[in-house]
Amino acid sequence: MRVALPDGTRIFFEVIGRKLVPDGPTMRERPTLHVLHGGPGFDHTGLASILEPLADEVQLVFLDHRGQGRSDGDDPADWNLRRWVPDISPRIRRALQLPGDHRFANGFDYMVTQYDASVYAYVWSGALAQEAFKRFNRDWVFNAQTGREFRATFFAPGAGRPLLDAVEAFIGRPVAGLVDVEAGRVTSD
């Protein structure tokens, strides 16, 4: 089967195992494990053969990356992490209703996951730092009171306060909407 991306590229996926199984008089939902194959030049079939016995316990969803296996995309310029990460995360996961935290960890999956984390963490950290600096810019960079409030907001609570809560308390407004995660860019002014 294939799922179409916004640019028309169709990504091939194969499902092995049932999502719902009888459990007495009701149906029980089993976890879904999605599996990404190794890097360029591979497809999902090798892992499917090895992991198929797991289908007795979980539903397995195997994906072929853009330009690999049975997926569309024959331009080698698109066979890279910068292109594959947005394909799989979050577009495909949404289309196939895959949980983000149930991936089979293999060598290339780690590369995609690590790239994903570094890109989006970098964008978020930049947006949050910009927002905090706006307060310093407004109050004057060397304003002692603003410095004390920054220290009290971020460091006095220790690790017990979530970072986003601290940023919101310091800048005096919600941070939701500051980053367009899919586009990988800051949306604040």
N, C-alpha and C. Protein backbone atom coordinates (compact mmCIF):
# COMPACT_ATOMS: atom_id res chain seq x y z
N MET A 1 0.84 -1.17 0.00
CA MET A 1 0.00 0.00 0.00
C MET A 1 0.89 1.23 0.00
N ARG A 2 0.30 2.36 -0.40
CA ARG A 2 1.06 3.61 -0.44
C ARG A 2 0.22 4.74 0.18
N VAL A 3 0.95 5.69 0.75
CA VAL A 3 0.32 6.90 1.27
C VAL A 3 0.99 8.07 0.56
N ALA A 4 0.17 9.05 0.11
CA ALA A 4 0.70 10.18 -0.64
C ALA A 4 1.12 11.31 0.28
N LEU A 5 2.27 11.89 -0.01
CA LEU A 5 2.75 13.07 0.69
C LEU A 5 2.19 14.31 0.01
N PRO A 6 2.27 15.47 0.64
CA PRO A 6 1.73 16.69 0.02
C PRO A 6 2.30 17.00 -1.37
N ASP A 7 3.55 16.60 -1.64
CA ASP A 7 4.14 16.87 -2.96
C ASP A 7 3.78 15.81 -4.00
N GLY A 8 2.92 14.85 -3.62
CA GLY A 8 2.49 13.80 -4.54
C GLY A 8 3.31 12.53 -4.47
N THR A 9 4.45 12.55 -3.84
CA THR A 9 5.29 11.36 -3.69
C THR A 9 4.53 10.33 -2.86
N ARG A 10 4.51 9.09 -3.33
CA ARG A 10 3.83 8.02 -2.60
C ARG A 10 4.86 7.17 -1.87
N ILE A 11 4.65 7.01 -0.56
CA ILE A 11 5.53 6.22 0.28
C ILE A 11 4.89 4.86 0.50
N PHE A 12 5.66 3.81 0.23
CA PHE A 12 5.16 2.45 0.38
C PHE A 12 5.21 2.02 1.84
N PHE A 13 4.17 1.34 2.29
CA PHE A 13 4.18 0.75 3.62
C PHE A 13 3.51 -0.61 3.57
N GLU A 14 3.94 -1.47 4.48
CA GLU A 14 3.35 -2.80 4.61
C GLU A 14 2.99 -3.01 6.08
N VAL A 15 1.80 -3.56 6.30
CA VAL A 15 1.32 -3.85 7.65
C VAL A 15 1.30 -5.36 7.84
N ILE A 16 1.92 -5.82 8.92
CA ILE A 16 1.89 -7.24 9.27
C ILE A 16 1.33 -7.34 10.68
N GLY A 17 0.27 -8.11 10.84
CA GLY A 17 -0.35 -8.28 12.15
C GLY A 17 -1.60 -7.44 12.32
N ARG A 18 -2.44 -7.89 13.23
CA ARG A 18 -3.72 -7.23 13.46
C ARG A 18 -3.61 -6.16 14.54
N LYS A 19 -4.37 -5.10 14.36
CA LYS A 19 -4.43 -4.04 15.36
C LYS A 19 -5.39 -4.43 16.49
N LEU A 20 -6.49 -5.05 16.14
CA LEU A 20 -7.50 -5.47 17.12
C LEU A 20 -7.56 -6.98 17.17
N VAL A 21 -7.59 -7.52 18.40
CA VAL A 21 -7.68 -8.97 18.58
C VAL A 21 -8.78 -9.27 19.59
N PRO A 22 -9.47 -10.41 19.43
CA PRO A 22 -10.50 -10.75 20.40
C PRO A 22 -9.91 -10.97 21.79
N ASP A 23 -10.62 -10.46 22.77
CA ASP A 23 -10.22 -10.63 24.17
C ASP A 23 -11.50 -10.85 24.96
N GLY A 24 -11.92 -12.11 25.02
CA GLY A 24 -13.21 -12.41 25.65
C GLY A 24 -14.32 -11.83 24.78
N PRO A 25 -15.27 -11.10 25.40
CA PRO A 25 -16.39 -10.56 24.63
C PRO A 25 -16.05 -9.24 23.94
N THR A 26 -14.85 -8.72 24.09
CA THR A 26 -14.49 -7.43 23.49
C THR A 26 -13.28 -7.59 22.58
N MET A 27 -12.94 -6.50 21.94
CA MET A 27 -11.74 -6.45 21.11
C MET A 27 -10.69 -5.62 21.84
N ARG A 28 -9.46 -6.11 21.85
CA ARG A 28 -8.35 -5.42 22.50
C ARG A 28 -7.42 -4.85 21.44
N GLU A 29 -7.02 -3.60 21.65
CA GLU A 29 -6.10 -2.96 20.72
C GLU A 29 -4.66 -3.31 21.10
N ARG A 30 -3.90 -3.76 20.11
CA ARG A 30 -2.49 -4.07 20.35
C ARG A 30 -1.62 -2.88 19.95
N PRO A 31 -0.44 -2.79 20.54
CA PRO A 31 0.45 -1.69 20.17
C PRO A 31 0.91 -1.82 18.71
N THR A 32 1.23 -0.67 18.13
CA THR A 32 1.76 -0.64 16.77
C THR A 32 3.23 -0.26 16.84
N LEU A 33 4.05 -1.00 16.14
CA LEU A 33 5.48 -0.73 16.07
C LEU A 33 5.79 -0.36 14.63
N HIS A 34 6.31 0.86 14.41
CA HIS A 34 6.68 1.16 13.02
C HIS A 34 8.17 1.05 12.86
N VAL A 35 8.54 0.54 11.68
CA VAL A 35 9.92 0.14 11.43
C VAL A 35 10.42 0.84 10.17
N LEU A 36 11.57 1.51 10.32
CA LEU A 36 12.25 2.13 9.17
C LEU A 36 13.44 1.26 8.80
N HIS A 37 13.61 1.02 7.53
CA HIS A 37 14.71 0.17 7.07
C HIS A 37 16.04 0.93 7.13
N GLY A 38 17.11 0.22 6.82
CA GLY A 38 18.43 0.83 6.78
C GLY A 38 18.53 1.91 5.71
N GLY A 39 19.65 2.54 5.63
CA GLY A 39 19.86 3.71 4.78
C GLY A 39 19.67 3.48 3.30
N PRO A 40 20.16 4.40 2.50
CA PRO A 40 19.96 4.34 1.05
C PRO A 40 20.36 2.99 0.46
N GLY A 41 19.53 2.53 -0.48
CA GLY A 41 19.82 1.27 -1.16
C GLY A 41 19.11 0.07 -0.57
N PHE A 42 18.35 0.27 0.49
CA PHE A 42 17.63 -0.83 1.13
C PHE A 42 16.12 -0.62 1.02
N ASP A 43 15.38 -1.62 1.40
CA ASP A 43 13.93 -1.49 1.58
C ASP A 43 13.55 -2.23 2.86
N HIS A 44 12.27 -2.36 3.12
CA HIS A 44 11.81 -2.92 4.39
C HIS A 44 11.82 -4.45 4.43
N THR A 45 11.98 -5.13 3.31
CA THR A 45 11.74 -6.57 3.26
C THR A 45 12.66 -7.39 4.16
N GLY A 46 13.90 -6.99 4.29
CA GLY A 46 14.82 -7.74 5.15
C GLY A 46 14.36 -7.71 6.60
N LEU A 47 14.01 -6.52 7.09
CA LEU A 47 13.53 -6.42 8.47
C LEU A 47 12.18 -7.09 8.64
N ALA A 48 11.33 -7.04 7.62
CA ALA A 48 10.02 -7.68 7.73
C ALA A 48 10.17 -9.18 7.94
N SER A 49 11.09 -9.80 7.23
CA SER A 49 11.31 -11.24 7.39
C SER A 49 11.79 -11.58 8.80
N ILE A 50 12.68 -10.75 9.33
CA ILE A 50 13.24 -11.00 10.66
C ILE A 50 12.22 -10.74 11.77
N LEU A 51 11.45 -9.66 11.62
CA LEU A 51 10.56 -9.22 12.71
C LEU A 51 9.15 -9.80 12.64
N GLU A 52 8.82 -10.49 11.57
CA GLU A 52 7.46 -11.00 11.41
C GLU A 52 6.94 -11.80 12.61
N PRO A 53 7.76 -12.59 13.31
CA PRO A 53 7.23 -13.31 14.48
C PRO A 53 6.66 -12.38 15.56
N LEU A 54 7.10 -11.13 15.60
CA LEU A 54 6.55 -10.18 16.58
C LEU A 54 5.09 -9.86 16.32
N ALA A 55 4.60 -10.16 15.12
CA ALA A 55 3.22 -9.85 14.77
C ALA A 55 2.22 -10.63 15.63
N ASP A 56 2.70 -11.62 16.38
CA ASP A 56 1.82 -12.32 17.33
C ASP A 56 1.48 -11.42 18.52
N GLU A 57 2.29 -10.39 18.75
CA GLU A 57 2.11 -9.52 19.91
C GLU A 57 1.79 -8.07 19.56
N VAL A 58 2.30 -7.59 18.42
CA VAL A 58 2.12 -6.20 18.02
C VAL A 58 1.79 -6.12 16.54
N GLN A 59 1.20 -5.01 16.14
CA GLN A 59 1.02 -4.75 14.72
C GLN A 59 2.30 -4.07 14.23
N LEU A 60 2.85 -4.55 13.13
CA LEU A 60 4.08 -4.01 12.56
C LEU A 60 3.76 -3.20 11.32
N VAL A 61 4.29 -2.00 11.22
CA VAL A 61 4.13 -1.17 10.03
C VAL A 61 5.52 -0.84 9.51
N PHE A 62 5.83 -1.32 8.30
CA PHE A 62 7.14 -1.12 7.67
C PHE A 62 7.00 -0.06 6.60
N LEU A 63 7.95 0.86 6.55
CA LEU A 63 7.94 1.94 5.56
C LEU A 63 9.20 1.87 4.71
N ASP A 64 9.06 2.17 3.42
CA ASP A 64 10.21 2.36 2.55
C ASP A 64 10.41 3.87 2.38
N HIS A 65 11.63 4.35 2.60
CA HIS A 65 11.92 5.77 2.43
C HIS A 65 11.70 6.22 1.00
N ARG A 66 11.54 7.51 0.81
CA ARG A 66 11.42 8.12 -0.51
C ARG A 66 12.57 7.63 -1.40
N GLY A 67 12.22 7.14 -2.61
CA GLY A 67 13.23 6.70 -3.56
C GLY A 67 13.82 5.34 -3.26
N GLN A 68 13.32 4.65 -2.25
CA GLN A 68 13.86 3.35 -1.85
C GLN A 68 12.74 2.31 -1.93
N GLY A 69 13.10 1.08 -2.17
CA GLY A 69 12.10 0.01 -2.22
C GLY A 69 11.01 0.32 -3.22
N ARG A 70 9.77 0.29 -2.76
CA ARG A 70 8.61 0.51 -3.62
C ARG A 70 8.03 1.91 -3.51
N SER A 71 8.75 2.83 -2.83
CA SER A 71 8.28 4.22 -2.72
C SER A 71 8.68 5.01 -3.95
N ASP A 72 7.89 6.05 -4.25
CA ASP A 72 8.21 6.95 -5.35
C ASP A 72 9.44 7.78 -4.99
N GLY A 73 9.97 8.44 -5.99
CA GLY A 73 11.08 9.37 -5.78
C GLY A 73 12.36 8.85 -6.35
N ASP A 74 12.57 9.15 -7.63
CA ASP A 74 13.76 8.61 -8.29
C ASP A 74 14.88 9.63 -8.44
N ASP A 75 14.78 10.78 -7.76
CA ASP A 75 15.84 11.78 -7.82
C ASP A 75 16.82 11.55 -6.66
N PRO A 76 18.04 11.09 -6.93
CA PRO A 76 19.00 10.84 -5.86
C PRO A 76 19.27 12.05 -4.97
N ALA A 77 19.01 13.26 -5.46
CA ALA A 77 19.20 14.46 -4.64
C ALA A 77 18.24 14.47 -3.45
N ASP A 78 17.14 13.71 -3.53
CA ASP A 78 16.16 13.64 -2.44
C ASP A 78 16.41 12.48 -1.49
N TRP A 79 17.45 11.71 -1.71
CA TRP A 79 17.73 10.54 -0.87
C TRP A 79 18.65 10.96 0.27
N ASN A 80 18.11 11.69 1.22
CA ASN A 80 18.92 12.19 2.33
C ASN A 80 18.03 12.45 3.55
N LEU A 81 18.68 12.60 4.69
CA LEU A 81 17.93 12.81 5.94
C LEU A 81 17.11 14.08 5.93
N ARG A 82 17.61 15.11 5.29
CA ARG A 82 16.89 16.38 5.26
C ARG A 82 15.53 16.21 4.57
N ARG A 83 15.43 15.27 3.66
CA ARG A 83 14.18 15.01 2.95
C ARG A 83 13.37 13.91 3.65
N TRP A 84 14.06 12.86 4.13
CA TRP A 84 13.35 11.71 4.71
C TRP A 84 12.72 12.02 6.05
N VAL A 85 13.36 12.85 6.87
CA VAL A 85 12.80 13.12 8.20
C VAL A 85 11.41 13.75 8.09
N PRO A 86 11.22 14.83 7.31
CA PRO A 86 9.86 15.38 7.21
C PRO A 86 8.87 14.41 6.57
N ASP A 87 9.36 13.53 5.67
CA ASP A 87 8.46 12.54 5.07
C ASP A 87 7.85 11.65 6.15
N ILE A 88 8.70 11.15 7.04
CA ILE A 88 8.26 10.17 8.02
C ILE A 88 7.68 10.85 9.26
N SER A 89 8.24 11.95 9.63
CA SER A 89 7.86 12.59 10.89
C SER A 89 7.53 14.03 10.65
N PRO A 90 6.32 14.44 10.81
CA PRO A 90 5.11 13.77 11.28
C PRO A 90 4.11 13.40 10.20
N ARG A 91 4.41 13.70 8.92
CA ARG A 91 3.41 13.51 7.86
C ARG A 91 2.87 12.09 7.78
N ILE A 92 3.78 11.12 7.64
CA ILE A 92 3.35 9.72 7.50
C ILE A 92 2.70 9.23 8.78
N ARG A 93 3.31 9.58 9.91
CA ARG A 93 2.74 9.12 11.19
C ARG A 93 1.30 9.58 11.32
N ARG A 94 1.03 10.81 10.92
CA ARG A 94 -0.35 11.31 11.00
C ARG A 94 -1.26 10.56 10.04
N ALA A 95 -0.80 10.41 8.81
CA ALA A 95 -1.63 9.75 7.79
C ALA A 95 -1.96 8.31 8.17
N LEU A 96 -0.99 7.60 8.76
CA LEU A 96 -1.20 6.19 9.13
C LEU A 96 -1.60 6.02 10.59
N GLN A 97 -1.76 7.13 11.31
CA GLN A 97 -2.12 7.11 12.73
C GLN A 97 -1.13 6.28 13.54
N LEU A 98 0.16 6.52 13.30
CA LEU A 98 1.21 5.81 14.01
C LEU A 98 1.63 6.59 15.25
N PRO A 99 1.83 5.91 16.36
CA PRO A 99 2.34 6.60 17.54
C PRO A 99 3.80 7.01 17.30
N GLY A 100 4.18 8.17 17.83
CA GLY A 100 5.53 8.65 17.62
C GLY A 100 6.58 7.93 18.45
N ASP A 101 6.16 7.22 19.47
CA ASP A 101 7.12 6.63 20.39
C ASP A 101 7.22 5.11 20.29
N HIS A 102 6.74 4.52 19.23
CA HIS A 102 6.79 3.07 19.07
C HIS A 102 7.52 2.73 17.77
N ARG A 103 8.81 3.02 17.75
CA ARG A 103 9.63 2.70 16.58
C ARG A 103 10.60 1.61 16.95
N PHE A 104 10.87 0.76 15.98
CA PHE A 104 11.90 -0.27 16.16
C PHE A 104 13.24 0.41 15.97
N ALA A 105 14.08 0.35 16.98
CA ALA A 105 15.38 1.02 16.93
C ALA A 105 16.38 0.17 16.17
N ASN A 106 16.81 0.66 15.04
CA ASN A 106 17.90 0.04 14.30
C ASN A 106 18.86 1.15 13.90
N GLY A 107 19.94 0.83 13.26
CA GLY A 107 20.98 1.81 12.98
C GLY A 107 20.49 3.05 12.26
N PHE A 108 19.75 2.89 11.18
CA PHE A 108 19.34 4.06 10.41
C PHE A 108 18.19 4.79 11.09
N ASP A 109 17.31 4.07 11.75
CA ASP A 109 16.24 4.72 12.49
C ASP A 109 16.82 5.69 13.50
N TYR A 110 17.92 5.28 14.15
CA TYR A 110 18.58 6.17 15.10
C TYR A 110 19.04 7.45 14.41
N MET A 111 19.58 7.32 13.19
CA MET A 111 20.02 8.50 12.45
C MET A 111 18.86 9.44 12.20
N VAL A 112 17.72 8.90 11.77
CA VAL A 112 16.55 9.72 11.49
C VAL A 112 16.06 10.36 12.79
N THR A 113 15.97 9.57 13.85
CA THR A 113 15.50 10.09 15.13
C THR A 113 16.44 11.16 15.66
N GLN A 114 17.73 10.92 15.61
CA GLN A 114 18.70 11.89 16.12
C GLN A 114 18.65 13.17 15.31
N TYR A 115 18.54 13.07 14.00
CA TYR A 115 18.46 14.24 13.14
C TYR A 115 17.21 15.04 13.48
N ASP A 116 16.10 14.34 13.60
CA ASP A 116 14.82 14.95 13.95
C ASP A 116 14.94 15.71 15.26
N ALA A 117 15.50 15.08 16.28
CA ALA A 117 15.64 15.72 17.59
C ALA A 117 16.56 16.93 17.52
N SER A 118 17.67 16.81 16.81
CA SER A 118 18.62 17.93 16.78
C SER A 118 18.06 19.11 16.02
N VAL A 119 17.37 18.87 14.90
CA VAL A 119 16.82 19.98 14.12
C VAL A 119 15.75 20.71 14.91
N TYR A 120 14.78 19.97 15.44
CA TYR A 120 13.67 20.64 16.10
C TYR A 120 14.06 21.18 17.47
N ALA A 121 14.96 20.53 18.18
CA ALA A 121 15.43 21.08 19.46
C ALA A 121 16.20 22.37 19.21
N TYR A 122 16.99 22.41 18.16
CA TYR A 122 17.75 23.61 17.82
C TYR A 122 16.80 24.76 17.51
N VAL A 123 15.77 24.50 16.72
CA VAL A 123 14.80 25.55 16.37
C VAL A 123 14.09 26.06 17.61
N TRP A 124 13.64 25.14 18.46
CA TRP A 124 12.95 25.54 19.68
C TRP A 124 13.86 26.33 20.61
N SER A 125 15.08 25.86 20.82
CA SER A 125 15.97 26.56 21.74
C SER A 125 16.27 27.96 21.23
N GLY A 126 16.41 28.11 19.93
CA GLY A 126 16.64 29.43 19.35
C GLY A 126 15.45 30.35 19.56
N ALA A 127 14.24 29.82 19.36
CA ALA A 127 13.04 30.63 19.55
C ALA A 127 12.89 31.06 21.01
N LEU A 128 13.13 30.14 21.94
CA LEU A 128 12.99 30.47 23.36
C LEU A 128 14.04 31.48 23.79
N ALA A 129 15.27 31.33 23.30
CA ALA A 129 16.32 32.29 23.64
C ALA A 129 15.99 33.68 23.09
N GLN A 130 15.46 33.73 21.87
CA GLN A 130 15.06 35.02 21.28
C GLN A 130 13.99 35.69 22.12
N GLU A 131 13.01 34.89 22.56
CA GLU A 131 11.93 35.46 23.38
C GLU A 131 12.46 36.00 24.71
N ALA A 132 13.36 35.25 25.35
CA ALA A 132 13.92 35.73 26.62
C ALA A 132 14.74 37.00 26.39
N PHE A 133 15.50 37.04 25.29
CA PHE A 133 16.32 38.22 25.04
C PHE A 133 15.47 39.45 24.74
N LYS A 134 14.29 39.26 24.15
CA LYS A 134 13.40 40.41 23.91
C LYS A 134 13.09 41.14 25.21
N ARG A 135 12.94 40.39 26.27
CA ARG A 135 12.68 41.02 27.57
C ARG A 135 13.89 41.85 27.99
N PHE A 136 15.10 41.27 27.85
CA PHE A 136 16.31 42.03 28.18
C PHE A 136 16.45 43.25 27.27
N ASN A 137 16.15 43.09 26.02
CA ASN A 137 16.25 44.19 25.07
C ASN A 137 15.27 45.31 25.45
N ARG A 138 14.07 44.93 25.84
CA ARG A 138 13.06 45.91 26.25
C ARG A 138 13.47 46.63 27.54
N ASP A 139 13.95 45.87 28.52
CA ASP A 139 14.27 46.44 29.85
C ASP A 139 15.68 47.00 29.92
N TRP A 140 16.50 46.81 28.92
CA TRP A 140 17.92 47.18 28.84
C TRP A 140 18.74 45.97 29.26
N VAL A 141 19.74 45.64 28.50
CA VAL A 141 20.52 44.43 28.69
C VAL A 141 21.14 44.33 30.09
N PHE A 142 21.57 45.46 30.64
CA PHE A 142 22.25 45.42 31.94
C PHE A 142 21.32 45.81 33.10
N ASN A 143 20.01 45.67 32.91
CA ASN A 143 19.06 45.98 33.97
C ASN A 143 19.19 44.92 35.06
N ALA A 144 19.59 45.35 36.26
CA ALA A 144 19.83 44.41 37.37
C ALA A 144 18.56 43.69 37.78
N GLN A 145 17.42 44.37 37.79
CA GLN A 145 16.17 43.74 38.21
C GLN A 145 15.77 42.64 37.22
N THR A 146 15.91 42.91 35.94
CA THR A 146 15.59 41.89 34.94
C THR A 146 16.52 40.69 35.09
N GLY A 147 17.79 40.93 35.35
CA GLY A 147 18.76 39.85 35.58
C GLY A 147 18.38 39.00 36.79
N ARG A 148 17.96 39.67 37.88
CA ARG A 148 17.54 38.93 39.09
C ARG A 148 16.29 38.10 38.79
N GLU A 149 15.33 38.68 38.05
CA GLU A 149 14.11 37.93 37.71
C GLU A 149 14.44 36.73 36.82
N PHE A 150 15.36 36.92 35.89
CA PHE A 150 15.79 35.80 35.04
C PHE A 150 16.38 34.68 35.89
N ARG A 151 17.29 35.05 36.79
CA ARG A 151 17.93 34.06 37.66
C ARG A 151 16.89 33.37 38.55
N ALA A 152 15.98 34.13 39.12
CA ALA A 152 14.95 33.55 40.00
C ALA A 152 14.00 32.64 39.22
N THR A 153 13.66 33.04 38.01
CA THR A 153 12.70 32.27 37.20
C THR A 153 13.29 30.96 36.70
N PHE A 154 14.54 31.02 36.22
CA PHE A 154 15.12 29.84 35.58
C PHE A 154 15.94 28.96 36.52
N PHE A 155 16.65 29.55 37.46
CA PHE A 155 17.59 28.77 38.24
C PHE A 155 17.14 28.47 39.67
N ALA A 156 16.39 29.35 40.30
CA ALA A 156 15.98 29.11 41.69
C ALA A 156 15.10 27.87 41.83
N PRO A 157 14.14 27.64 40.92
CA PRO A 157 13.29 26.44 41.07
C PRO A 157 14.02 25.13 40.83
N GLY A 158 15.20 25.18 40.26
CA GLY A 158 15.94 23.95 39.96
C GLY A 158 15.30 23.19 38.82
N ALA A 159 15.46 21.89 38.83
CA ALA A 159 14.94 21.06 37.75
C ALA A 159 13.46 20.76 37.90
N GLY A 160 12.84 21.26 38.97
CA GLY A 160 11.44 20.95 39.22
C GLY A 160 10.46 21.73 38.37
N ARG A 161 10.91 22.75 37.63
CA ARG A 161 10.02 23.57 36.83
C ARG A 161 10.29 23.32 35.35
N PRO A 162 9.27 22.99 34.57
CA PRO A 162 9.48 22.78 33.13
C PRO A 162 10.00 24.05 32.47
N LEU A 163 10.88 23.89 31.50
CA LEU A 163 11.49 25.02 30.81
C LEU A 163 10.45 25.95 30.19
N LEU A 164 9.45 25.38 29.53
CA LEU A 164 8.44 26.23 28.88
C LEU A 164 7.68 27.07 29.90
N ASP A 165 7.42 26.51 31.08
CA ASP A 165 6.76 27.29 32.14
C ASP A 165 7.64 28.45 32.57
N ALA A 166 8.94 28.21 32.69
CA ALA A 166 9.87 29.27 33.08
C ALA A 166 9.93 30.37 32.03
N VAL A 167 10.01 29.99 30.77
CA VAL A 167 10.05 30.99 29.69
C VAL A 167 8.77 31.81 29.71
N GLU A 168 7.63 31.16 29.81
CA GLU A 168 6.36 31.89 29.83
C GLU A 168 6.28 32.83 31.02
N ALA A 169 6.75 32.40 32.18
CA ALA A 169 6.74 33.27 33.36
C ALA A 169 7.65 34.48 33.15
N PHE A 170 8.80 34.28 32.52
CA PHE A 170 9.76 35.37 32.33
C PHE A 170 9.28 36.37 31.28
N ILE A 171 8.72 35.87 30.16
CA ILE A 171 8.31 36.79 29.09
C ILE A 171 6.88 37.30 29.29
N GLY A 172 6.13 36.65 30.19
CA GLY A 172 4.79 37.13 30.51
C GLY A 172 3.71 36.78 29.50
N ARG A 173 3.94 35.75 28.70
CA ARG A 173 2.90 35.29 27.75
C ARG A 173 3.20 33.86 27.32
N PRO A 174 2.21 33.18 26.74
CA PRO A 174 2.42 31.79 26.28
C PRO A 174 3.44 31.71 25.14
N VAL A 175 4.12 30.59 25.04
CA VAL A 175 5.08 30.38 23.96
C VAL A 175 4.50 29.56 22.81
N ALA A 176 3.27 29.08 22.96
CA ALA A 176 2.65 28.29 21.89
C ALA A 176 2.64 29.10 20.60
N GLY A 177 2.96 28.45 19.51
CA GLY A 177 2.94 29.10 18.21
C GLY A 177 4.24 29.79 17.84
N LEU A 178 5.27 29.73 18.67
CA LEU A 178 6.54 30.38 18.36
C LEU A 178 7.32 29.66 17.28
N VAL A 179 7.06 28.36 17.12
CA VAL A 179 7.83 27.56 16.17
C VAL A 179 6.88 26.76 15.30
N ASP A 180 7.12 26.79 14.00
CA ASP A 180 6.40 25.93 13.06
C ASP A 180 7.27 24.69 12.90
N VAL A 181 6.94 23.62 13.64
CA VAL A 181 7.79 22.43 13.69
C VAL A 181 7.93 21.78 12.33
N GLU A 182 6.84 21.69 11.57
CA GLU A 182 6.93 21.03 10.26
C GLU A 182 7.84 21.79 9.31
N ALA A 183 7.77 23.14 9.35
CA ALA A 183 8.61 23.93 8.46
C ALA A 183 10.01 24.10 9.04
N GLY A 184 10.18 23.83 10.33
CA GLY A 184 11.48 23.96 10.98
C GLY A 184 11.94 25.40 11.09
N ARG A 185 10.97 26.31 11.40
CA ARG A 185 11.36 27.71 11.50
C ARG A 185 10.63 28.40 12.65
N VAL A 186 11.22 29.51 13.10
CA VAL A 186 10.64 30.32 14.15
C VAL A 186 9.55 31.20 13.56
N THR A 187 8.41 31.31 14.24
CA THR A 187 7.32 32.12 13.72
C THR A 187 7.15 33.42 14.50
N SER A 188 7.90 33.60 15.59
CA SER A 188 7.77 34.82 16.38
C SER A 188 8.41 35.98 15.63
N ASP A 189 8.01 37.21 16.01
CA ASP A 189 8.57 38.39 15.34
C ASP A 189 9.91 38.79 15.89
